[in-house]
């Protein structure tokens, strides 16, 4: 079989370069156009909402948080939660029949592994 020699002329190469440049130019132009449209959408969204910006949180307008909770309050909350759960299950339980014997803190690392 005869070996075919392909000779690429300068005209073909100039057309290929022109096509490449045109393609890159169109893509870049579309990206700029999309970016401009997105920036306009942000302005339209702001114009639609005329909400007041809340004041920044400072130490003067924040109520102090108690570091330690009272054990009696904690027992009352746990008892109420157990009572609500049992009533949701269809069991009649009064708060007088519940007794919280001890409260202990659960190790957080076991929960973090779950």
C-alpha atoms as a PDB file:
ATOM      1  CA  UNK A   1       0.000   0.000   0.000  1.00  0.00           C
ATOM      2  CA  UNK A   2       1.271   3.372  -0.854  1.00  0.00           C
ATOM      3  CA  UNK A   3       2.003   5.678   1.986  1.00  0.00           C
ATOM      4  CA  UNK A   4      -0.062   8.845   1.915  1.00  0.00           C
ATOM      5  CA  UNK A   5       1.539  12.111   2.824  1.00  0.00           C
ATOM      6  CA  UNK A   6      -0.752  14.682   4.316  1.00  0.00           C
ATOM      7  CA  UNK A   7       0.364  18.178   3.758  1.00  0.00           C
ATOM      8  CA  UNK A   8      -1.381  20.696   5.988  1.00  0.00           C
ATOM      9  CA  UNK A   9      -1.447  24.052   4.349  1.00  0.00           C
ATOM     10  CA  UNK A  10      -1.185  27.344   6.147  1.00  0.00           C
ATOM     11  CA  UNK A  11      -4.772  28.136   5.117  1.00  0.00           C
ATOM     12  CA  UNK A  12      -6.102  25.109   7.029  1.00  0.00           C
ATOM     13  CA  UNK A  13      -4.019  25.979  10.095  1.00  0.00           C
ATOM     14  CA  UNK A  14      -5.209  29.586  10.064  1.00  0.00           C
ATOM     15  CA  UNK A  15      -8.846  28.408   9.925  1.00  0.00           C
ATOM     16  CA  UNK A  16      -8.218  26.004  12.817  1.00  0.00           C
ATOM     17  CA  UNK A  17      -6.650  28.785  14.875  1.00  0.00           C
ATOM     18  CA  UNK A  18      -9.530  31.101  14.033  1.00  0.00           C
ATOM     19  CA  UNK A  19     -12.088  28.471  15.064  1.00  0.00           C
ATOM     20  CA  UNK A  20     -10.255  27.871  18.336  1.00  0.00           C
ATOM     21  CA  UNK A  21     -10.030  31.580  19.130  1.00  0.00           C
ATOM     22  CA  UNK A  22     -13.697  32.080  18.248  1.00  0.00           C
ATOM     23  CA  UNK A  23     -14.771  29.175  20.471  1.00  0.00           C
ATOM     24  CA  UNK A  24     -12.747  30.383  23.437  1.00  0.00           C
ATOM     25  CA  UNK A  25     -14.061  33.922  22.917  1.00  0.00           C
ATOM     26  CA  UNK A  26     -17.703  32.782  22.865  1.00  0.00           C
ATOM     27  CA  UNK A  27     -17.260  30.711  26.021  1.00  0.00           C
ATOM     28  CA  UNK A  28     -15.526  33.561  27.866  1.00  0.00           C
ATOM     29  CA  UNK A  29     -18.225  36.042  26.772  1.00  0.00           C
ATOM     30  CA  UNK A  30     -20.995  33.732  27.995  1.00  0.00           C
ATOM     31  CA  UNK A  31     -19.258  33.271  31.357  1.00  0.00           C
ATOM     32  CA  UNK A  32     -19.016  37.036  31.800  1.00  0.00           C
ATOM     33  CA  UNK A  33     -22.681  37.411  30.839  1.00  0.00           C
ATOM     34  CA  UNK A  34     -23.784  34.728  33.306  1.00  0.00           C
ATOM     35  CA  UNK A  35     -21.711  36.355  36.054  1.00  0.00           C
ATOM     36  CA  UNK A  36     -23.359  39.713  35.331  1.00  0.00           C
ATOM     37  CA  UNK A  37     -26.854  38.181  35.436  1.00  0.00           C
ATOM     38  CA  UNK A  38     -26.113  36.525  38.785  1.00  0.00           C
ATOM     39  CA  UNK A  39     -24.919  39.830  40.240  1.00  0.00           C
ATOM     40  CA  UNK A  40     -28.163  41.475  39.063  1.00  0.00           C
ATOM     41  CA  UNK A  41     -30.220  38.758  40.760  1.00  0.00           C
ATOM     42  CA  UNK A  42     -28.555  39.563  44.076  1.00  0.00           C
ATOM     43  CA  UNK A  43     -29.594  43.212  43.689  1.00  0.00           C
ATOM     44  CA  UNK A  44     -33.169  42.249  42.819  1.00  0.00           C
ATOM     45  CA  UNK A  45     -33.329  40.005  45.887  1.00  0.00           C
ATOM     46  CA  UNK A  46     -32.144  42.839  48.150  1.00  0.00           C
ATOM     47  CA  UNK A  47     -34.642  45.290  46.671  1.00  0.00           C
ATOM     48  CA  UNK A  48     -37.520  42.895  47.363  1.00  0.00           C
ATOM     49  CA  UNK A  49     -36.649  42.583  51.051  1.00  0.00           C
ATOM     50  CA  UNK A  50     -36.750  45.761  53.072  1.00  0.00           C
ATOM     51  CA  UNK A  51     -36.020  44.247  56.476  1.00  0.00           C
ATOM     52  CA  UNK A  52     -34.270  45.981  59.289  1.00  0.00           C
ATOM     53  CA  UNK A  53     -30.925  44.574  60.224  1.00  0.00           C
ATOM     54  CA  UNK A  54     -30.997  43.462  63.858  1.00  0.00           C
ATOM     55  CA  UNK A  55     -28.646  45.115  66.289  1.00  0.00           C
ATOM     56  CA  UNK A  56     -25.423  43.236  66.888  1.00  0.00           C
ATOM     57  CA  UNK A  57     -25.348  41.128  70.009  1.00  0.00           C
ATOM     58  CA  UNK A  58     -23.331  42.780  72.730  1.00  0.00           C
ATOM     59  CA  UNK A  59     -22.787  42.029  76.389  1.00  0.00           C
ATOM     60  CA  UNK A  60     -25.189  44.790  77.442  1.00  0.00           C
ATOM     61  CA  UNK A  61     -28.321  43.425  75.723  1.00  0.00           C
ATOM     62  CA  UNK A  62     -27.818  39.718  76.477  1.00  0.00           C
ATOM     63  CA  UNK A  63     -29.295  38.169  79.571  1.00  0.00           C
ATOM     64  CA  UNK A  64     -26.733  36.393  81.733  1.00  0.00           C
ATOM     65  CA  UNK A  65     -26.800  32.616  81.448  1.00  0.00           C
ATOM     66  CA  UNK A  66     -26.626  30.584  84.604  1.00  0.00           C
ATOM     67  CA  UNK A  67     -23.678  28.228  84.554  1.00  0.00           C
ATOM     68  CA  UNK A  68     -25.234  25.562  86.773  1.00  0.00           C
ATOM     69  CA  UNK A  69     -28.798  24.371  86.468  1.00  0.00           C
ATOM     70  CA  UNK A  70     -30.734  23.517  89.564  1.00  0.00           C
ATOM     71  CA  UNK A  71     -31.063  19.759  90.108  1.00  0.00           C
ATOM     72  CA  UNK A  72     -34.726  20.104  91.036  1.00  0.00           C
ATOM     73  CA  UNK A  73     -35.474  21.807  87.721  1.00  0.00           C
ATOM     74  CA  UNK A  74     -33.586  19.101  85.862  1.00  0.00           C
ATOM     75  CA  UNK A  75     -35.491  16.369  87.695  1.00  0.00           C
ATOM     76  CA  UNK A  76     -38.779  18.105  86.892  1.00  0.00           C
ATOM     77  CA  UNK A  77     -37.911  18.320  83.182  1.00  0.00           C
ATOM     78  CA  UNK A  78     -36.841  14.675  83.003  1.00  0.00           C
ATOM     79  CA  UNK A  79     -39.970  13.543  84.865  1.00  0.00           C
ATOM     80  CA  UNK A  80     -42.216  15.568  82.549  1.00  0.00           C
ATOM     81  CA  UNK A  81     -40.485  14.140  79.463  1.00  0.00           C
ATOM     82  CA  UNK A  82     -40.896  10.570  80.712  1.00  0.00           C
ATOM     83  CA  UNK A  83     -44.540  11.210  81.559  1.00  0.00           C
ATOM     84  CA  UNK A  84     -45.215  12.702  78.103  1.00  0.00           C
ATOM     85  CA  UNK A  85     -43.507   9.744  76.430  1.00  0.00           C
ATOM     86  CA  UNK A  86     -45.496   7.201  78.411  1.00  0.00           C
ATOM     87  CA  UNK A  87     -48.770   9.021  77.693  1.00  0.00           C
ATOM     88  CA  UNK A  88     -47.907   9.056  73.971  1.00  0.00           C
ATOM     89  CA  UNK A  89     -47.439   5.275  74.176  1.00  0.00           C
ATOM     90  CA  UNK A  90     -50.920   4.947  75.695  1.00  0.00           C
ATOM     91  CA  UNK A  91     -49.852   4.288  79.300  1.00  0.00           C
ATOM     92  CA  UNK A  92     -51.501   6.232  82.103  1.00  0.00           C
ATOM     93  CA  UNK A  93     -48.711   7.582  84.298  1.00  0.00           C
ATOM     94  CA  UNK A  94     -48.967  10.345  86.860  1.00  0.00           C
ATOM     95  CA  UNK A  95     -46.052  12.503  87.932  1.00  0.00           C
ATOM     96  CA  UNK A  96     -46.434  11.218  91.488  1.00  0.00           C
ATOM     97  CA  UNK A  97     -45.612   7.675  90.409  1.00  0.00           C
ATOM     98  CA  UNK A  98     -42.297   8.616  88.772  1.00  0.00           C
ATOM     99  CA  UNK A  99     -39.165   8.658  90.916  1.00  0.00           C
ATOM    100  CA  UNK A 100     -35.815   9.906  89.644  1.00  0.00           C
ATOM    101  CA  UNK A 101     -33.188   8.169  91.777  1.00  0.00           C
ATOM    102  CA  UNK A 102     -29.999   9.527  90.240  1.00  0.00           C
ATOM    103  CA  UNK A 103     -28.757  11.693  87.400  1.00  0.00           C
ATOM    104  CA  UNK A 104     -25.382  11.117  85.806  1.00  0.00           C
ATOM    105  CA  UNK A 105     -23.687  12.691  82.823  1.00  0.00           C
ATOM    106  CA  UNK A 106     -23.178  10.446  79.800  1.00  0.00           C
ATOM    107  CA  UNK A 107     -19.712  10.333  78.249  1.00  0.00           C
ATOM    108  CA  UNK A 108     -19.927  12.357  75.033  1.00  0.00           C
ATOM    109  CA  UNK A 109     -17.219  10.403  73.254  1.00  0.00           C
ATOM    110  CA  UNK A 110     -19.493   7.348  73.031  1.00  0.00           C
ATOM    111  CA  UNK A 111     -22.199   9.431  71.379  1.00  0.00           C
ATOM    112  CA  UNK A 112     -19.742  11.010  68.988  1.00  0.00           C
ATOM    113  CA  UNK A 113     -18.664   7.560  67.796  1.00  0.00           C
ATOM    114  CA  UNK A 114     -22.246   6.596  66.922  1.00  0.00           C
END
